[in-house]
Structure formats: structure tokens, C-alpha cells
Amino acid sequence: MGYFKHPQAIVETEHVGQGTEIWAFAHVLAGAKIGRDCRICDHTFIENDVEVGDRVTIKCGVQLWDGVTIEDDVFIGPNATFTNDPFPRSKQRPSQFPRTVVKAGSSIGANATILPGITIGAGAMIGAGSVVTHNVPAKTKLIGNPAHIVGYVGEEDESAARPVAAPAASTGGPTSALVELPLVEDLRGLLSFGEVGRQVPFEVKRYFLVFGVSTARIRGEHSHKKLHQFLICAHGSLSVAIDDGQSRKEYFLDSPAKGLHLPPLVWGVFYGFSPDAVLLVLASDLYDPDDYIRDYAAFLEIRRTHDTRS
């Protein structure tokens, strides 16, 4: 058989990988596909249209309904709840269930609830008891109801501003730079400014403003192939998590006297907006939809190719 099945487990599927353990009172239906070296604990239920990757741990009391895909190396805590019908009615089965995907390396805490049709990004961590209502960016930490980002897995704190005159060469981490902008104070109030070629290390061809963002909402979630950006929180505060494919950092922008330079090929996620936050973004070129990289897996592949050539 190639895998362990407890005598009091019901396993109807023939698709179970070697080394997997299925414990007492678990029930796996015939259409399910279970990978290698998984651990499926007591009182779990796995429906037909379910795919579970390799080295997945599913703790007690979890049900995986039709439409759920769990990729490799995922941890699912006790009594985590998956759903697959946004408007359920008794004896009314939809013709097709929305696909819920938990990407590789993610962790879902005990008693968390995952709404249908959501993708949880690779390496994300969902806190116990959280209610996940929207897609989750890769490597983010979420808690609450509704769940919101509170951090970034493996982040380094780079909140203190430091002056730079131009983008530095890569030193192994994300090549963003938090810039201390000049701040002038007198009896009339405060003034902060920046100059192209000094604090802003590129020619500015466009700007845009982001404001009115709910605390639970997330902006960014993409990278650019060629575009440079310079971020200033003109009012309020927000957090920016950045990722170059190998290491991650988080910045807290809470002053017009701070600027954050985001070069190309850096994945950025903006979150934790205060209700009064106004984010000013200066850009090195006009808007070009083809310059965006919106899929994190594609970003990692492009970044690996770029780093190999460098």
C-alpha cells in the first residue's frame, strides 16, 4: 500500500502517496488525491475534488471540501474551516465550486476560517481564529476578523530613515532605500522637500496618490520590470513590505520627511493604512500595463534569471 492507514480510518481513494499517515476516524473520499509524506490527523474529512500536495500536515477536525487545493509543505491547524459555497442552501448544489488554493509552505492557524475562492500565497501565515475574506499575498502574516496583514514572514525592520543620494549596488538584500528627506521648521510650520538627482534618484515622469484605503485592504502586490518608484506618506501612516526573491524587509512610513525608493524587480505590498493615510508615489515612467509583474511565482522566476545573468 505504501502508506499508513489507521484501522478506524476510511480511505476510499487509491491516490495516496508513499509515507503518508492517515489516522483514526479520518474519511477520504474516492476522488481525492493525497501526496507523499503527509500527516492527516484524527477526525478529518476530505471530499472528492480535493488535491493535497506532498509533506502536508492536516491537524484534527479539519474538513477539505470540493474545490480545495493544498500545495506542498502546508500546515493546517486544528479545526481550521474551509468553505466552498458563498451562498449555501440546503439541497442546492452549485454546478461548479470556486477553487480555493493554499500555496506551498503556508500555515493556517487553529480555528481559522477560509472563505471560498481565495488564494493564500506561498509561505503566508494565517493566525489562529482569523477569518480570511480576500486573497492573501505571499509571505504575509494575517490575523483578525476580517484578517488583515500585520507583518511579513522573515522581515527585517528598516524603519529608521537613512540618507542616500543614488540607488546603491545590490548587497544581497532588497535594494530599496529609506531616505531621510530635508525637514525645515519655523514659526510658520513644517516643510519637507526632495530634489531629483539627490533624494529622488531618477527623473520623475508621473505621480499618483493612494488614499481612502481601509485598514483591512492591501495595495501593491506586484513588481515592475523597469519602473522606479519613490514613496512618500504625505499624511497618516502605512507599512510597506518588500521582497527581492531572497530576503524581505518591512518599512513603516509615518512622516512626509521619509521617502522610500523602490527599484525594478522588487515585490511590494502596501498595507496597514491609517484611516487618514495619503500615499504619494513618484514614478520614473508613464503608465505601462506590460511593465507589471502581478504573479509572485512569475516574479521569482524573472528575478532568478536576472540574478543569474548579473
Protein backbone atom coordinates (compact mmCIF):
# COMPACT_ATOMS: atom_id res chain seq x y z
CA MET A 1 0.00 0.00 0.00
CA GLY A 2 2.94 2.35 0.62
CA TYR A 3 1.24 4.48 3.29
CA PHE A 4 -0.13 4.06 6.84
CA LYS A 5 -3.89 3.82 7.40
CA HIS A 6 -5.29 3.53 10.91
CA PRO A 7 -7.78 0.65 11.24
CA GLN A 8 -10.53 3.11 12.11
CA ALA A 9 -9.89 5.42 9.16
CA ILE A 10 -11.92 5.23 5.93
CA VAL A 11 -9.82 5.76 2.81
CA GLU A 12 -11.76 5.31 -0.44
CA THR A 13 -9.22 6.91 -2.79
CA GLU A 14 -6.43 4.99 -4.48
CA HIS A 15 -4.33 8.15 -4.88
CA VAL A 16 -2.30 8.34 -1.68
CA GLY A 17 1.46 8.91 -1.81
CA GLN A 18 4.11 6.85 -0.08
CA GLY A 19 4.90 7.63 3.52
CA THR A 20 1.59 9.36 4.22
CA GLU A 21 -0.15 8.68 7.56
CA ILE A 22 -3.95 8.74 7.86
CA TRP A 23 -5.15 8.46 11.43
CA ALA A 24 -8.30 7.33 13.27
CA PHE A 25 -11.76 8.48 12.16
CA ALA A 26 -10.41 10.30 9.10
CA HIS A 27 -12.53 9.85 5.96
CA VAL A 28 -11.06 10.40 2.48
CA LEU A 29 -13.44 10.10 -0.49
CA ALA A 30 -12.63 8.28 -3.72
CA GLY A 31 -11.84 11.31 -5.90
CA ALA A 32 -9.32 12.91 -3.58
CA LYS A 33 -5.58 12.96 -4.35
CA ILE A 34 -3.14 12.88 -1.43
CA GLY A 35 0.62 13.38 -1.88
CA ARG A 36 3.66 11.82 -0.24
CA ASP A 37 4.73 12.02 3.41
CA CYS A 38 1.55 13.76 4.56
CA ARG A 39 0.09 13.53 8.06
CA ILE A 40 -3.71 13.52 8.20
CA CYS A 41 -4.85 13.53 11.80
CA ASP A 42 -7.97 12.26 13.61
CA HIS A 43 -11.48 13.34 12.62
CA THR A 44 -10.58 14.92 9.28
CA PHE A 45 -12.79 14.73 6.19
CA ILE A 46 -11.53 15.12 2.62
CA GLU A 47 -14.07 15.34 -0.21
CA ASN A 48 -13.70 14.23 -3.85
CA ASP A 49 -12.48 17.30 -5.74
CA VAL A 50 -9.55 17.91 -3.40
CA GLU A 51 -5.82 17.83 -4.12
CA VAL A 52 -3.26 17.67 -1.31
CA GLY A 53 0.44 18.03 -2.13
CA ASP A 54 3.48 16.45 -0.51
CA ARG A 55 4.54 16.82 3.15
CA VAL A 56 1.26 18.45 4.18
CA THR A 57 0.10 18.33 7.82
CA ILE A 58 -3.66 18.44 8.44
CA LYS A 59 -4.47 18.51 12.14
CA CYS A 60 -7.59 17.18 13.86
CA GLY A 61 -11.07 18.37 12.96
CA VAL A 62 -10.35 19.83 9.50
CA GLN A 63 -12.70 19.35 6.53
CA LEU A 64 -11.49 19.90 2.97
CA TRP A 65 -14.47 20.31 0.67
CA ASP A 66 -14.75 20.05 -3.12
CA GLY A 67 -12.72 22.76 -4.85
CA VAL A 68 -9.80 22.92 -2.38
CA THR A 69 -6.18 22.57 -3.48
CA ILE A 70 -3.42 22.34 -0.86
CA GLU A 71 0.11 22.62 -2.27
CA ASP A 72 3.32 21.14 -0.81
CA ASP A 73 4.59 21.74 2.76
CA VAL A 74 1.39 23.36 4.06
CA PHE A 75 0.38 23.20 7.73
CA ILE A 76 -3.33 23.34 8.62
CA GLY A 77 -4.09 23.74 12.32
CA PRO A 78 -6.84 22.04 14.36
CA ASN A 79 -10.43 22.81 13.37
CA ALA A 80 -9.50 25.23 10.59
CA THR A 81 -12.61 25.67 8.44
CA PHE A 82 -12.68 25.73 4.64
CA THR A 83 -15.82 26.77 2.75
CA ASN A 84 -16.73 26.27 -0.90
CA ASP A 85 -20.13 27.89 -1.45
CA PRO A 86 -20.55 31.65 -0.87
CA PHE A 87 -24.37 31.37 -0.75
CA PRO A 88 -25.23 27.86 0.50
CA ARG A 89 -28.77 26.49 0.51
CA SER A 90 -29.96 23.10 1.71
CA LYS A 91 -30.09 20.54 -1.13
CA GLN A 92 -28.97 23.14 -3.70
CA ARG A 93 -25.55 22.22 -5.08
CA PRO A 94 -23.78 24.68 -7.41
CA SER A 95 -22.70 23.37 -10.81
CA GLN A 96 -19.10 24.34 -10.04
CA PHE A 97 -17.34 25.26 -6.81
CA PRO A 98 -14.91 28.18 -6.70
CA ARG A 99 -11.32 26.96 -6.39
CA THR A 100 -9.58 27.67 -3.09
CA VAL A 101 -5.79 27.33 -3.28
CA VAL A 102 -3.31 27.27 -0.41
CA LYS A 103 0.14 27.82 -1.92
CA ALA A 104 3.29 25.95 -0.92
CA GLY A 105 4.77 26.48 2.53
CA SER A 106 1.79 28.32 4.04
CA SER A 107 0.46 27.82 7.57
CA ILE A 108 -3.14 28.17 8.72
CA GLY A 109 -3.74 28.51 12.45
CA ALA A 110 -6.30 26.69 14.59
CA ASN A 111 -9.94 27.66 14.08
CA ALA A 112 -9.20 29.97 11.14
CA THR A 113 -11.97 30.27 8.54
CA ILE A 114 -11.18 30.47 4.82
CA LEU A 115 -13.90 31.83 2.54
CA PRO A 116 -14.41 30.17 -0.87
CA GLY A 117 -12.42 31.05 -3.98
CA ILE A 118 -9.45 32.50 -2.10
CA THR A 119 -5.77 32.02 -2.89
CA ILE A 120 -3.38 32.04 0.05
CA GLY A 121 0.06 33.00 -1.26
CA ALA A 122 3.20 30.92 -0.83
CA GLY A 123 4.69 31.00 2.66
CA ALA A 124 1.87 33.05 4.19
CA MET A 125 0.92 32.59 7.84
CA ILE A 126 -2.72 32.88 8.98
CA GLY A 127 -3.19 33.47 12.70
CA ALA A 128 -5.44 31.29 14.85
CA GLY A 129 -9.11 32.26 14.69
CA SER A 130 -8.68 34.58 11.70
CA VAL A 131 -11.41 34.94 9.07
CA VAL A 132 -9.84 35.21 5.63
CA THR A 133 -12.11 37.08 3.21
CA HIS A 134 -9.70 38.07 0.41
CA ASN A 135 -6.65 36.72 -1.40
CA VAL A 136 -3.53 36.65 0.77
CA PRO A 137 -0.19 37.89 -0.62
CA ALA A 138 2.81 35.58 -0.41
CA LYS A 139 4.81 35.51 2.85
CA THR A 140 2.48 37.80 4.75
CA LYS A 141 1.24 37.37 8.33
CA LEU A 142 -2.50 37.88 8.89
CA ILE A 143 -4.71 37.99 11.98
CA GLY A 144 -8.21 39.14 12.85
CA ASN A 145 -11.77 39.20 11.54
CA PRO A 146 -11.63 40.11 8.76
CA ALA A 147 -7.99 39.05 8.53
CA HIS A 148 -5.51 41.84 7.84
CA ILE A 149 -1.76 41.95 7.37
CA VAL A 150 0.30 42.61 10.48
CA GLY A 151 3.73 41.71 9.16
CA TYR A 152 5.83 39.83 6.69
CA VAL A 153 7.43 36.42 7.22
CA GLY A 154 11.19 36.77 7.59
CA GLU A 155 11.06 40.55 7.54
CA GLU A 156 13.85 42.81 8.73
CA ASP A 157 12.91 46.07 10.41
CA GLU A 158 14.17 49.02 8.36
CA SER A 159 12.00 51.74 9.91
CA ALA A 160 14.83 54.19 10.64
CA ALA A 161 15.43 56.54 7.73
CA ARG A 162 18.89 56.94 6.30
CA PRO A 163 20.13 59.42 3.70
CA VAL A 164 21.12 58.19 0.24
CA ALA A 165 21.97 60.13 -2.91
CA ALA A 166 21.51 57.40 -5.50
CA PRO A 167 20.48 53.74 -5.71
CA ALA A 168 23.24 51.56 -4.33
CA ALA A 169 24.51 48.35 -5.87
CA SER A 170 22.92 45.18 -4.54
CA THR A 171 24.40 43.88 -1.30
CA GLY A 172 22.38 40.68 -1.18
CA GLY A 173 19.11 42.13 0.17
CA PRO A 174 16.32 44.13 -1.41
CA THR A 175 17.89 47.23 -2.95
CA SER A 176 15.21 49.63 -1.75
CA ALA A 177 16.35 52.59 0.32
CA LEU A 178 14.55 54.55 3.01
CA VAL A 179 15.58 58.16 2.54
CA GLU A 180 15.61 60.93 5.13
CA LEU A 181 14.10 63.95 3.39
CA PRO A 182 15.04 67.50 4.41
CA LEU A 183 12.73 68.96 7.03
CA VAL A 184 12.53 72.71 7.68
CA GLU A 185 10.71 74.07 10.72
CA ASP A 186 9.96 77.69 11.66
CA LEU A 187 7.14 79.68 13.24
CA ARG A 188 5.02 79.19 10.12
CA GLY A 189 5.10 75.40 10.36
CA LEU A 190 6.95 72.49 8.73
CA LEU A 191 8.23 72.00 5.17
CA SER A 192 9.76 68.86 3.64
CA PHE A 193 11.14 68.56 0.11
CA GLY A 194 13.18 66.42 -2.24
CA GLU A 195 15.21 67.05 -5.38
CA VAL A 196 15.63 64.88 -8.46
CA GLY A 197 19.18 63.56 -8.58
CA ARG A 198 19.60 63.93 -4.83
CA GLN A 199 16.90 62.45 -2.62
CA VAL A 200 14.88 61.17 -5.62
CA PRO A 201 17.36 59.11 -7.66
CA PHE A 202 15.56 59.17 -11.03
CA GLU A 203 13.73 61.56 -13.36
CA VAL A 204 10.06 61.78 -12.41
CA LYS A 205 7.59 61.39 -15.29
CA ARG A 206 4.40 60.59 -13.37
CA TYR A 207 2.88 60.69 -9.92
CA PHE A 208 -0.21 59.19 -8.31
CA LEU A 209 -1.90 59.33 -4.92
CA VAL A 210 -3.34 56.43 -2.91
CA PHE A 211 -5.82 57.34 -0.16
CA GLY A 212 -9.11 56.31 1.40
CA VAL A 213 -7.82 52.74 1.86
CA SER A 214 -9.49 50.59 4.50
CA THR A 215 -7.14 49.16 7.13
CA ALA A 216 -8.15 45.66 6.01
CA ARG A 217 -7.28 46.37 2.35
CA ILE A 218 -3.97 45.67 0.64
CA ARG A 219 -2.38 47.64 -2.19
CA GLY A 220 0.63 46.88 -4.34
CA GLU A 221 1.09 43.09 -4.61
CA HIS A 222 3.22 43.42 -7.73
CA SER A 223 6.65 44.24 -9.08
CA HIS A 224 7.83 46.25 -12.08
CA LYS A 225 10.24 45.18 -14.80
CA LYS A 226 11.80 48.62 -15.38
CA LEU A 227 9.92 51.23 -13.35
CA HIS A 228 11.45 53.03 -10.35
CA GLN A 229 9.10 54.39 -7.67
CA PHE A 230 9.61 56.79 -4.78
CA LEU A 231 7.04 56.59 -1.97
CA ILE A 232 6.15 59.37 0.48
CA CYS A 233 3.38 59.08 3.04
CA ALA A 234 2.20 62.66 2.92
CA HIS A 235 -0.32 62.13 5.71
CA GLY A 236 -1.07 59.37 8.20
CA SER A 237 0.88 56.11 8.10
CA LEU A 238 1.21 52.72 6.38
CA SER A 239 3.56 49.76 6.15
CA VAL A 240 5.44 48.58 3.07
CA ALA A 241 6.78 45.03 2.80
CA ILE A 242 9.32 44.41 0.05
CA ASP A 243 10.87 41.24 -1.31
CA ASP A 244 13.66 40.63 -3.81
CA GLY A 245 13.04 36.88 -4.02
CA GLN A 246 15.64 36.01 -1.39
CA SER A 247 15.15 38.36 1.55
CA ARG A 248 12.37 40.56 2.85
CA LYS A 249 12.15 43.86 4.71
CA GLU A 250 9.36 45.96 6.15
CA TYR A 251 9.24 49.75 6.30
CA PHE A 252 6.89 51.94 8.32
CA LEU A 253 6.12 55.25 6.62
CA ASP A 254 4.65 57.75 9.07
CA SER A 255 6.12 61.10 8.06
CA PRO A 256 6.38 63.34 4.96
CA ALA A 257 10.09 63.53 5.83
CA LYS A 258 10.60 59.86 4.86
CA GLY A 259 10.88 58.60 1.29
CA LEU A 260 11.19 55.00 0.11
CA HIS A 261 12.85 54.20 -3.21
CA LEU A 262 11.56 51.01 -4.84
CA PRO A 263 13.70 49.96 -7.82
CA PRO A 264 12.58 47.49 -10.52
CA LEU A 265 12.27 43.79 -9.73
CA VAL A 266 11.27 44.30 -6.12
CA TRP A 267 7.93 42.88 -4.99
CA GLY A 268 5.97 45.39 -2.90
CA VAL A 269 2.94 45.07 -0.64
CA PHE A 270 1.35 48.15 0.97
CA TYR A 271 -0.87 47.56 4.00
CA GLY A 272 -1.88 48.81 7.44
CA PHE A 273 -3.11 52.16 6.13
CA SER A 274 -4.29 54.54 8.82
CA PRO A 275 -7.75 56.00 8.01
CA ASP A 276 -6.17 59.33 7.09
CA ALA A 277 -3.22 57.94 5.10
CA VAL A 278 -2.28 59.64 1.83
CA LEU A 279 0.49 57.92 -0.14
CA LEU A 280 2.28 59.93 -2.85
CA VAL A 281 4.11 57.80 -5.45
CA LEU A 282 6.60 59.34 -7.89
CA ALA A 283 7.32 57.15 -10.94
CA SER A 284 10.15 57.09 -13.46
CA ASP A 285 7.92 56.50 -16.49
CA LEU A 286 4.40 56.78 -17.84
CA TYR A 287 1.87 54.08 -17.04
CA ASP A 288 2.55 50.83 -18.91
CA PRO A 289 0.47 47.74 -18.01
CA ASP A 290 3.08 45.49 -19.66
CA ASP A 291 5.67 46.62 -17.10
CA TYR A 292 3.76 44.99 -14.23
CA ILE A 293 4.55 41.54 -12.81
CA ARG A 294 1.44 40.55 -10.86
CA ASP A 295 2.08 36.84 -10.24
CA TYR A 296 4.52 36.13 -7.40
CA ALA A 297 5.74 32.83 -8.88
CA ALA A 298 6.46 34.57 -12.19
CA PHE A 299 8.28 37.32 -10.30
CA LEU A 300 10.52 34.77 -8.57
CA GLU A 301 11.40 33.16 -11.89
CA ILE A 302 12.20 36.51 -13.54
CA ARG A 303 14.25 37.52 -10.53
CA ARG A 304 16.24 34.26 -10.58
CA THR A 305 17.01 34.75 -14.27
CA HIS A 306 18.04 38.35 -13.64
CA ASP A 307 20.31 37.42 -10.71
CA THR A 308 21.95 34.60 -12.71
CA ARG A 309 22.77 36.94 -15.57
CA SER A 310 24.11 39.56 -13.17
